[in-house]
């Protein structure tokens, strides 16, 4: 591995939190609102459990351990490394993927450059364990970057390498290939999670992360949760200064995603995994979640969410000053599973009608109204109930206020209580009310109990519908 000292390029940013507070959230990011996350690596070959199979398969007593023994034999003779030749990606077509994401209405795309398993999906100069030298024998990240940019979308990357410090440690507890010195450059260091990363590891982590920046110029770099380990703090500051100065050199607006409190407020963009905020945030943030409830990577028994559920998440997040990064998990051959394609295309059809109320919008004075409570915090993405026609979310663009009604009202009538005449948040007169996607006029009245809208007989789309309200 070897210690490597990464020099920070010249530019406006220094590796201090005070200097890094100069960071400005990119305009493209605040306008885009909706992106695609991609978890794809050798862990999709066993297609069992989740993308944590590489670790779980070495923990005695887990379903993954038992499945591995029964399916592939003893871990000493068939370890995680042996899935790599089976990860062929023979049908991987970056243009086809990109076309799907574009049709889904996504504006940015974030593949996993390296997951906890230590297999780089890019052309790494630091490791033989990468997609250009093994498995697909293609620069997956590089090819996707080219296709995404050609389609007019923004390209980002995630790296989860920080967790690799301890990811394969269970394989050190018994006779497995993790103990074999020949493969230590893949499985190592394999330390206990309680052990603090050393300087050699941290310098190597920084060098690898900066290589991703320099080779692929991502406009978003997403970090996973273990960067909250205190040992990473000075290295995060160094990385941010490096990356933000590179962005300034290239004339590109760039941003970093972080979890919990790894970065000082105002120096990067907070990301909440599989969860949301319960109220309107004064800062721009992101929710990352997956189309599946049980795994980020491809597995055979996915428990999928519905497109309607995910559209509800998107609307709720955007109304609270956030963006949604939605994950898919391709198969080993490089195809995206049909159910995932269908979910994305259904979201895309909804955005064709309602995208005006999402893209380029900003929050209103309140995020919404209605009975459905959205729990706050990570890993709560399946804990709310279904949204109802009484749940309304707001976004704005200029003099237009959008009221997104989260379900079609069977009564044909919507009341927006927050727009009652004389209300504090909506003192203006209402000049016009329209329903996006519908040519039929809507009739409305306004009184001290709310804005009352009689909807047309025909729904303009499935799922949430949008009232376009011109304020005078």
Protein backbone atom coordinates (compact mmCIF):
# COMPACT_ATOMS: atom_id res chain seq x y z
CA UNK A 1 0.00 0.00 0.00
CA UNK A 2 2.67 2.51 1.03
CA UNK A 3 2.29 5.95 2.50
CA UNK A 4 1.45 8.61 -0.08
CA UNK A 5 1.34 12.33 0.64
CA UNK A 6 -1.23 14.11 -1.51
CA UNK A 7 -0.47 17.76 -2.23
CA UNK A 8 -3.39 20.18 -2.33
CA UNK A 9 -3.52 22.08 -5.64
CA UNK A 10 -3.49 25.88 -5.49
CA UNK A 11 -6.85 27.59 -5.27
CA UNK A 12 -9.23 29.46 -2.99
CA UNK A 13 -9.67 26.64 -0.46
CA UNK A 14 -7.42 25.66 2.42
CA UNK A 15 -7.89 22.46 4.49
CA UNK A 16 -9.63 24.25 7.37
CA UNK A 17 -13.33 24.29 8.16
CA UNK A 18 -13.21 28.09 8.17
CA UNK A 19 -11.88 28.17 4.61
CA UNK A 20 -14.18 25.39 3.44
CA UNK A 21 -17.21 27.44 4.51
CA UNK A 22 -16.67 29.39 1.30
CA UNK A 23 -18.32 26.40 -0.39
CA UNK A 24 -21.45 27.21 -2.35
CA UNK A 25 -24.01 24.52 -3.25
CA UNK A 26 -23.91 24.23 -7.06
CA UNK A 27 -26.78 25.78 -8.99
CA UNK A 28 -27.09 22.64 -11.13
CA UNK A 29 -27.60 20.57 -7.96
CA UNK A 30 -30.31 22.78 -6.47
CA UNK A 31 -32.10 22.75 -9.84
CA UNK A 32 -31.67 19.04 -10.67
CA UNK A 33 -33.51 17.51 -7.67
CA UNK A 34 -33.42 13.91 -8.95
CA UNK A 35 -30.44 11.63 -9.59
CA UNK A 36 -29.65 7.94 -10.07
CA UNK A 37 -27.30 5.98 -7.78
CA UNK A 38 -25.81 2.70 -9.06
CA UNK A 39 -24.51 -0.12 -6.83
CA UNK A 40 -22.70 -2.55 -9.13
CA UNK A 41 -19.78 -4.81 -8.37
CA UNK A 42 -18.80 -8.48 -7.94
CA UNK A 43 -21.25 -8.72 -5.00
CA UNK A 44 -24.07 -8.94 -7.57
CA UNK A 45 -22.79 -12.35 -8.75
CA UNK A 46 -23.95 -14.40 -5.73
CA UNK A 47 -27.13 -12.24 -5.78
CA UNK A 48 -27.92 -13.30 -2.23
CA UNK A 49 -28.71 -11.24 0.88
CA UNK A 50 -27.42 -7.82 -0.05
CA UNK A 51 -24.35 -5.94 -1.30
CA UNK A 52 -22.84 -6.79 2.11
CA UNK A 53 -22.51 -10.43 1.01
CA UNK A 54 -18.68 -10.06 0.80
CA UNK A 55 -18.54 -9.50 4.57
CA UNK A 56 -21.49 -11.62 5.68
CA UNK A 57 -20.22 -14.68 3.80
CA UNK A 58 -17.27 -14.79 6.23
CA UNK A 59 -19.38 -14.47 9.41
CA UNK A 60 -20.19 -17.92 10.76
CA UNK A 61 -23.86 -18.49 11.48
CA UNK A 62 -25.23 -15.98 8.98
CA UNK A 63 -27.52 -17.04 6.10
CA UNK A 64 -24.81 -15.80 3.71
CA UNK A 65 -22.17 -18.02 5.35
CA UNK A 66 -24.39 -21.10 5.09
CA UNK A 67 -25.46 -20.26 1.54
CA UNK A 68 -21.83 -19.84 0.52
CA UNK A 69 -20.75 -23.18 1.97
CA UNK A 70 -23.63 -25.02 0.32
CA UNK A 71 -23.35 -23.28 -3.05
CA UNK A 72 -19.62 -22.65 -3.53
CA UNK A 73 -17.84 -24.78 -0.92
CA UNK A 74 -15.29 -23.93 1.79
CA UNK A 75 -14.14 -20.32 2.02
CA UNK A 76 -10.49 -21.36 1.80
CA UNK A 77 -11.05 -22.71 -1.72
CA UNK A 78 -13.72 -20.32 -2.98
CA UNK A 79 -13.62 -16.83 -1.53
CA UNK A 80 -15.01 -13.48 -2.56
CA UNK A 81 -12.16 -12.99 -5.06
CA UNK A 82 -13.50 -15.98 -7.03
CA UNK A 83 -16.67 -14.09 -7.95
CA UNK A 84 -14.64 -11.56 -9.92
CA UNK A 85 -14.08 -13.74 -13.05
CA UNK A 86 -17.84 -14.44 -13.01
CA UNK A 87 -18.55 -10.71 -13.07
CA UNK A 88 -18.32 -10.35 -16.85
CA UNK A 89 -20.62 -7.39 -17.61
CA UNK A 90 -20.92 -8.72 -21.15
CA UNK A 91 -24.12 -6.76 -21.83
CA UNK A 92 -23.10 -3.51 -20.15
CA UNK A 93 -24.09 -0.65 -22.45
CA UNK A 94 -23.47 2.78 -20.87
CA UNK A 95 -25.51 4.55 -23.56
CA UNK A 96 -28.47 2.24 -22.91
CA UNK A 97 -28.27 2.89 -19.17
CA UNK A 98 -28.00 6.61 -19.72
CA UNK A 99 -31.01 6.63 -22.03
CA UNK A 100 -33.04 4.87 -19.34
CA UNK A 101 -31.94 7.38 -16.69
CA UNK A 102 -32.75 10.28 -19.01
CA UNK A 103 -36.21 8.85 -19.68
CA UNK A 104 -36.66 8.47 -15.91
CA UNK A 105 -36.21 12.22 -15.60
CA UNK A 106 -32.90 12.05 -13.74
CA UNK A 107 -30.51 14.98 -14.05
CA UNK A 108 -27.41 13.46 -12.45
CA UNK A 109 -25.91 9.96 -12.20
CA UNK A 110 -23.69 8.62 -9.39
CA UNK A 111 -22.15 5.15 -9.83
CA UNK A 112 -20.28 3.51 -6.97
CA UNK A 113 -16.61 3.83 -7.91
CA UNK A 114 -15.60 1.47 -5.11
CA UNK A 115 -17.71 -0.27 -2.49
CA UNK A 116 -16.59 -1.71 0.86
CA UNK A 117 -15.36 -4.82 -0.97
CA UNK A 118 -12.25 -3.08 -2.31
CA UNK A 119 -12.95 -3.82 -5.98
CA UNK A 120 -12.59 -0.58 -7.95
CA UNK A 121 -15.06 -0.09 -10.80
CA UNK A 122 -12.64 2.38 -12.37
CA UNK A 123 -9.09 2.35 -13.74
CA UNK A 124 -7.15 2.39 -10.47
CA UNK A 125 -3.40 2.91 -10.61
CA UNK A 126 -3.17 1.73 -6.98
CA UNK A 127 -4.68 -1.74 -7.32
CA UNK A 128 -4.82 -4.76 -9.59
CA UNK A 129 -8.31 -5.43 -8.19
CA UNK A 130 -10.23 -3.18 -10.54
CA UNK A 131 -12.69 -3.47 -13.43
CA UNK A 132 -10.15 -2.52 -16.10
CA UNK A 133 -7.83 -5.40 -15.17
CA UNK A 134 -10.27 -8.10 -14.01
CA UNK A 135 -13.91 -9.13 -14.38
CA UNK A 136 -15.44 -6.78 -16.98
CA UNK A 137 -11.99 -5.60 -18.18
CA UNK A 138 -13.60 -2.22 -18.89
CA UNK A 139 -13.42 1.19 -17.26
CA UNK A 140 -17.03 1.15 -16.08
CA UNK A 141 -16.85 4.56 -14.38
CA UNK A 142 -15.05 6.17 -17.33
CA UNK A 143 -17.45 4.81 -19.94
CA UNK A 144 -20.46 5.84 -17.90
CA UNK A 145 -19.03 9.32 -17.29
CA UNK A 146 -18.70 9.83 -21.04
CA UNK A 147 -22.23 8.61 -21.81
CA UNK A 148 -23.84 10.61 -18.99
CA UNK A 149 -22.19 13.85 -20.04
CA UNK A 150 -23.02 13.25 -23.71
CA UNK A 151 -26.69 13.01 -22.67
CA UNK A 152 -26.52 16.38 -20.90
CA UNK A 153 -26.61 15.02 -17.36
CA UNK A 154 -24.19 15.67 -14.51
CA UNK A 155 -21.77 12.91 -13.49
CA UNK A 156 -20.77 12.04 -9.92
CA UNK A 157 -19.12 9.15 -8.06
CA UNK A 158 -19.36 7.53 -4.67
CA UNK A 159 -16.57 5.85 -2.79
CA UNK A 160 -17.13 3.61 0.24
CA UNK A 161 -13.50 2.61 0.62
CA UNK A 162 -13.25 3.95 4.18
CA UNK A 163 -15.18 0.88 5.42
CA UNK A 164 -12.73 -1.47 3.70
CA UNK A 165 -10.38 -1.07 6.67
CA UNK A 166 -12.50 -3.59 8.57
CA UNK A 167 -14.82 -5.11 5.98
CA UNK A 168 -13.15 -8.52 5.59
CA UNK A 169 -12.02 -8.89 9.21
CA UNK A 170 -14.43 -11.83 9.91
CA UNK A 171 -12.45 -13.87 7.36
CA UNK A 172 -9.40 -13.62 9.62
CA UNK A 173 -11.18 -15.59 12.36
CA UNK A 174 -11.14 -18.97 10.59
CA UNK A 175 -9.41 -20.79 7.77
CA UNK A 176 -10.41 -18.68 4.75
CA UNK A 177 -8.71 -17.09 1.76
CA UNK A 178 -8.78 -13.72 3.55
CA UNK A 179 -5.74 -15.01 5.49
CA UNK A 180 -3.82 -15.83 2.30
CA UNK A 181 -0.97 -13.28 1.80
CA UNK A 182 -1.41 -13.58 -1.97
CA UNK A 183 -4.79 -11.82 -1.73
CA UNK A 184 -4.05 -9.37 1.05
CA UNK A 185 -3.99 -6.50 -1.46
CA UNK A 186 -7.72 -7.19 -1.96
CA UNK A 187 -8.85 -8.25 1.51
CA UNK A 188 -6.48 -6.25 3.68
CA UNK A 189 -6.08 -4.64 6.15
CA UNK A 190 -9.04 -6.67 7.55
CA UNK A 191 -8.73 -5.00 10.95
CA UNK A 192 -11.37 -4.96 13.69
CA UNK A 193 -13.81 -2.06 13.27
CA UNK A 194 -12.81 -0.85 16.74
CA UNK A 195 -9.20 -0.32 15.63
CA UNK A 196 -8.34 3.22 14.51
CA UNK A 197 -7.09 3.48 10.89
CA UNK A 198 -3.37 4.24 10.73
CA UNK A 199 -1.62 7.01 8.81
CA UNK A 200 -0.53 4.71 5.99
CA UNK A 201 -4.14 3.64 5.37
CA UNK A 202 -5.50 7.18 5.58
CA UNK A 203 -2.92 8.61 3.16
CA UNK A 204 -3.69 5.77 0.76
CA UNK A 205 -7.44 6.44 1.11
CA UNK A 206 -6.88 10.10 0.29
CA UNK A 207 -4.66 9.35 -2.71
CA UNK A 208 -7.17 6.90 -4.18
CA UNK A 209 -10.07 9.31 -3.69
CA UNK A 210 -8.15 12.16 -5.32
CA UNK A 211 -7.30 9.89 -8.25
CA UNK A 212 -11.04 9.40 -8.89
CA UNK A 213 -11.43 13.18 -8.92
CA UNK A 214 -8.53 13.75 -11.31
CA UNK A 215 -9.37 10.94 -13.73
CA UNK A 216 -13.14 11.42 -13.99
CA UNK A 217 -13.87 15.00 -12.85
CA UNK A 218 -17.07 14.08 -10.99
CA UNK A 219 -19.22 17.04 -9.98
CA UNK A 220 -20.45 15.14 -6.92
CA UNK A 221 -18.47 12.91 -4.57
CA UNK A 222 -20.59 10.85 -2.16
CA UNK A 223 -19.09 9.43 1.04
CA UNK A 224 -20.51 6.68 3.22
CA UNK A 225 -21.01 6.77 6.97
CA UNK A 226 -17.61 5.60 8.30
CA UNK A 227 -15.96 8.92 7.42
CA UNK A 228 -17.47 9.93 10.78
CA UNK A 229 -14.60 8.03 12.40
CA UNK A 230 -12.51 10.82 13.99
CA UNK A 231 -9.32 9.59 12.28
CA UNK A 232 -10.69 10.76 8.92
CA UNK A 233 -11.38 14.36 10.01
CA UNK A 234 -8.10 15.99 8.85
CA UNK A 235 -8.16 13.89 5.68
CA UNK A 236 -11.70 15.03 4.87
CA UNK A 237 -10.55 18.64 5.15
CA UNK A 238 -7.60 17.91 2.87
CA UNK A 239 -9.80 16.10 0.38
CA UNK A 240 -12.39 18.89 0.31
CA UNK A 241 -9.70 21.54 -0.30
CA UNK A 242 -8.16 19.35 -3.03
CA UNK A 243 -11.50 18.69 -4.74
CA UNK A 244 -12.94 22.18 -4.43
CA UNK A 245 -9.73 23.70 -5.80
CA UNK A 246 -9.80 21.25 -8.71
CA UNK A 247 -13.41 22.29 -9.39
CA UNK A 248 -12.30 25.93 -9.41
CA UNK A 249 -9.44 25.10 -11.81
CA UNK A 250 -11.81 23.26 -14.15
CA UNK A 251 -14.59 25.83 -13.92
CA UNK A 252 -16.98 23.15 -12.64
CA UNK A 253 -19.44 23.46 -9.77
CA UNK A 254 -18.71 20.51 -7.46
CA UNK A 255 -20.08 19.21 -4.16
CA UNK A 256 -19.42 16.56 -1.52
CA UNK A 257 -22.09 14.44 0.19
CA UNK A 258 -21.52 13.41 3.80
CA UNK A 259 -23.43 11.57 6.53
CA UNK A 260 -24.25 12.70 10.06
CA UNK A 261 -21.64 15.23 11.26
CA UNK A 262 -18.53 14.25 9.31
CA UNK A 263 -18.29 17.73 7.74
CA UNK A 264 -18.81 21.10 9.37
CA UNK A 265 -22.14 22.69 8.48
CA UNK A 266 -21.94 24.78 5.33
CA UNK A 267 -18.87 23.00 3.89
CA UNK A 268 -20.64 20.20 1.97
CA UNK A 269 -24.12 18.71 1.39
CA UNK A 270 -25.72 16.55 4.09
CA UNK A 271 -27.00 13.19 2.87
CA UNK A 272 -29.51 11.08 4.81
CA UNK A 273 -29.45 7.37 3.96
CA UNK A 274 -32.87 5.81 3.43
CA UNK A 275 -34.48 8.67 5.30
CA UNK A 276 -35.69 12.23 5.28
CA UNK A 277 -36.23 15.36 7.31
CA UNK A 278 -39.57 15.91 8.98
CA UNK A 279 -39.61 19.63 8.19
CA UNK A 280 -38.28 22.32 5.87
CA UNK A 281 -34.51 22.71 6.11
CA UNK A 282 -32.76 26.09 5.79
CA UNK A 283 -29.98 24.31 3.86
CA UNK A 284 -29.95 22.12 0.75
CA UNK A 285 -29.68 18.39 1.53
CA UNK A 286 -30.14 14.97 -0.07
CA UNK A 287 -31.97 11.72 0.61
CA UNK A 288 -30.39 8.62 -0.88
CA UNK A 289 -32.56 5.55 -1.07
CA UNK A 290 -33.09 2.51 -3.26
CA UNK A 291 -35.86 1.08 -5.40
CA UNK A 292 -35.52 -2.00 -3.19
CA UNK A 293 -36.18 -2.28 0.55
CA UNK A 294 -33.68 -5.06 1.24
CA UNK A 295 -30.57 -4.45 -0.85
CA UNK A 296 -28.67 -1.80 -2.79
CA UNK A 297 -27.03 -4.34 -5.09
CA UNK A 298 -28.75 -6.93 -7.27
CA UNK A 299 -30.17 -9.95 -5.42
CA UNK A 300 -32.65 -12.53 -6.62
CA UNK A 301 -35.35 -11.79 -4.06
CA UNK A 302 -35.76 -8.03 -4.20
CA UNK A 303 -38.56 -6.44 -2.22
CA UNK A 304 -39.40 -3.49 -4.42
CA UNK A 305 -41.05 -0.23 -3.51
CA UNK A 306 -43.69 1.11 -5.89
CA UNK A 307 -43.11 4.01 -8.25
CA UNK A 308 -45.93 5.85 -6.47
CA UNK A 309 -44.16 5.50 -3.12
CA UNK A 310 -40.92 6.82 -4.58
CA UNK A 311 -42.68 9.73 -6.29
CA UNK A 312 -44.12 10.60 -2.87
CA UNK A 313 -40.59 10.59 -1.45
CA UNK A 314 -39.32 12.79 -4.29
CA UNK A 315 -42.05 15.38 -3.81
CA UNK A 316 -41.70 15.41 -0.03
CA UNK A 317 -37.91 15.78 -0.20
CA UNK A 318 -38.00 18.57 -2.79
CA UNK A 319 -40.60 20.49 -0.76
CA UNK A 320 -38.16 20.40 2.19
CA UNK A 321 -35.22 21.83 0.19
CA UNK A 322 -33.72 18.48 -0.77
CA UNK A 323 -32.81 16.24 -3.68
CA UNK A 324 -33.47 12.51 -4.13
CA UNK A 325 -30.71 10.12 -5.21
CA UNK A 326 -32.44 6.86 -6.18
CA UNK A 327 -30.46 3.63 -6.46
CA UNK A 328 -30.66 0.74 -8.93
CA UNK A 329 -28.68 -2.51 -8.84
CA UNK A 330 -27.66 -4.00 -12.22
CA UNK A 331 -27.15 -7.72 -12.83
CA UNK A 332 -23.71 -9.32 -13.37
CA UNK A 333 -24.19 -9.19 -17.15
CA UNK A 334 -24.69 -5.42 -17.05
CA UNK A 335 -28.44 -5.28 -17.58
CA UNK A 336 -30.74 -3.39 -15.25
CA UNK A 337 -33.53 -5.68 -13.94
CA UNK A 338 -36.88 -5.22 -15.68
CA UNK A 339 -38.81 -4.24 -12.53
CA UNK A 340 -36.28 -1.49 -11.87
CA UNK A 341 -36.54 -0.22 -15.43
CA UNK A 342 -40.33 -0.16 -15.11
CA UNK A 343 -40.16 1.80 -11.84
CA UNK A 344 -37.82 4.36 -13.38
CA UNK A 345 -39.94 4.77 -16.51
CA UNK A 346 -43.08 5.25 -14.43
CA UNK A 347 -41.34 7.99 -12.47
CA UNK A 348 -40.26 9.50 -15.79
CA UNK A 349 -43.84 9.54 -17.10
CA UNK A 350 -44.92 11.35 -13.93
CA UNK A 351 -42.12 13.89 -14.29
CA UNK A 352 -43.08 14.57 -17.91
CA UNK A 353 -46.36 15.96 -16.56
CA UNK A 354 -45.22 17.37 -13.23
CA UNK A 355 -41.52 18.14 -13.68
CA UNK A 356 -42.25 21.87 -13.84
CA UNK A 357 -43.09 21.68 -10.11
CA UNK A 358 -39.82 19.84 -9.33
CA UNK A 359 -36.92 21.00 -11.51
CA UNK A 360 -35.50 24.45 -10.83
CA UNK A 361 -37.91 25.08 -7.95
CA UNK A 362 -37.21 26.39 -4.48
CA UNK A 363 -39.05 25.78 -1.19
CA UNK A 364 -42.01 27.89 -0.14
CA UNK A 365 -42.38 29.37 3.35
CA UNK A 366 -43.79 26.03 4.56
CA UNK A 367 -43.16 22.60 3.03
CA UNK A 368 -46.74 21.37 3.14
CA UNK A 369 -49.80 20.30 5.07
CA UNK A 370 -51.79 17.17 5.77
CA UNK A 371 -52.11 14.27 8.20
CA UNK A 372 -49.30 11.96 7.10
CA UNK A 373 -46.21 12.27 9.26
CA UNK A 374 -42.80 11.57 7.75
CA UNK A 375 -40.36 10.21 10.35
CA UNK A 376 -37.02 11.99 10.51
CA UNK A 377 -33.60 10.36 10.20
CA UNK A 378 -31.86 7.54 8.42
CA UNK A 379 -33.29 4.09 7.67
CA UNK A 380 -36.88 5.23 8.02
CA UNK A 381 -37.77 5.02 4.32
CA UNK A 382 -40.49 2.42 4.79
CA UNK A 383 -41.92 3.68 8.09
CA UNK A 384 -44.39 6.31 6.93
CA UNK A 385 -47.90 5.48 5.77
CA UNK A 386 -49.19 6.16 2.25
CA UNK A 387 -49.78 9.80 1.44
CA UNK A 388 -53.41 10.89 1.04
CA UNK A 389 -55.26 13.55 -0.98
CA UNK A 390 -55.17 15.75 2.13
CA UNK A 391 -51.35 15.71 2.05
CA UNK A 392 -50.11 18.65 0.01
CA UNK A 393 -46.52 19.75 -0.67
CA UNK A 394 -45.39 23.14 -1.95
CA UNK A 395 -42.63 24.36 -4.28
CA UNK A 396 -42.11 27.73 -5.94
CA UNK A 397 -40.63 29.23 -9.07
CA UNK A 398 -40.87 33.00 -9.51
CA UNK A 399 -44.48 34.10 -9.02
CA UNK A 400 -45.78 30.55 -9.33
CA UNK A 401 -46.66 28.40 -6.34
CA UNK A 402 -47.05 24.68 -6.95
CA UNK A 403 -49.32 22.69 -4.67
CA UNK A 404 -48.64 19.00 -5.20
CA UNK A 405 -51.62 16.94 -4.05
CA UNK A 406 -50.11 13.63 -2.97
CA UNK A 407 -53.02 11.41 -4.08
CA UNK A 408 -55.95 11.92 -6.41
CA UNK A 409 -59.01 13.13 -4.46
CA UNK A 410 -61.82 10.64 -5.02
CA UNK A 411 -64.32 13.36 -4.07
CA UNK A 412 -63.02 15.48 -6.94
CA UNK A 413 -62.37 18.37 -4.56
CA UNK A 414 -59.14 19.62 -2.98
CA UNK A 415 -58.85 22.09 -0.13
CA UNK A 416 -55.50 23.78 0.42
CA UNK A 417 -55.81 25.05 3.97
CA UNK A 418 -52.51 26.93 3.88
CA UNK A 419 -53.92 29.19 1.16
CA UNK A 420 -56.88 30.42 3.16
CA UNK A 421 -57.67 34.07 2.52
CA UNK A 422 -55.88 36.21 5.05
CA UNK A 423 -53.37 33.49 5.96
CA UNK A 424 -49.92 34.67 7.07
CA UNK A 425 -47.96 32.64 4.54
CA UNK A 426 -50.12 33.49 1.51
CA UNK A 427 -51.20 37.12 1.69
CA UNK A 428 -51.15 37.61 -2.09
CA UNK A 429 -54.13 37.42 -4.36
CA UNK A 430 -54.49 34.32 -6.50
CA UNK A 431 -54.73 35.17 -10.18
CA UNK A 432 -55.10 31.72 -11.70
CA UNK A 433 -55.23 28.02 -10.79
CA UNK A 434 -54.41 25.28 -13.30
CA UNK A 435 -53.81 21.53 -13.14
CA UNK A 436 -50.57 20.43 -14.79
CA UNK A 437 -51.17 17.97 -17.60
CA UNK A 438 -54.87 18.84 -17.93
CA UNK A 439 -56.40 21.07 -20.60
CA UNK A 440 -59.67 21.17 -18.65
CA UNK A 441 -60.20 24.34 -16.60
CA UNK A 442 -60.43 23.99 -12.84
CA UNK A 443 -62.90 26.00 -10.81
CA UNK A 444 -61.85 27.39 -7.47
CA UNK A 445 -62.89 29.60 -4.60
CA UNK A 446 -60.97 31.02 -1.68
CA UNK A 447 -62.25 31.80 1.78
CA UNK A 448 -60.92 31.84 5.36
CA UNK A 449 -60.89 28.00 5.44
CA UNK A 450 -58.69 27.52 2.38
CA UNK A 451 -58.36 27.43 -1.38
CA UNK A 452 -61.09 25.08 -2.66
CA UNK A 453 -60.45 23.51 -6.05
CA UNK A 454 -62.89 21.41 -8.06
CA UNK A 455 -60.79 18.98 -10.07
CA UNK A 456 -61.66 17.84 -13.59
CA UNK A 457 -63.21 14.42 -14.08
CA UNK A 458 -60.13 12.97 -15.75
CA UNK A 459 -56.81 12.48 -13.95
CA UNK A 460 -53.83 14.03 -15.79
CA UNK A 461 -51.47 11.34 -14.45
CA UNK A 462 -51.10 8.57 -11.93
CA UNK A 463 -49.96 9.37 -8.38
CA UNK A 464 -49.57 12.97 -7.15
CA UNK A 465 -51.03 15.80 -9.21
CA UNK A 466 -49.98 19.44 -9.32
CA UNK A 467 -51.93 22.64 -8.98
CA UNK A 468 -50.12 25.53 -10.67
CA UNK A 469 -51.13 28.67 -8.77
CA UNK A 470 -50.26 32.10 -10.11
CA UNK A 471 -49.92 34.64 -7.33
CA UNK A 472 -50.48 38.29 -8.16
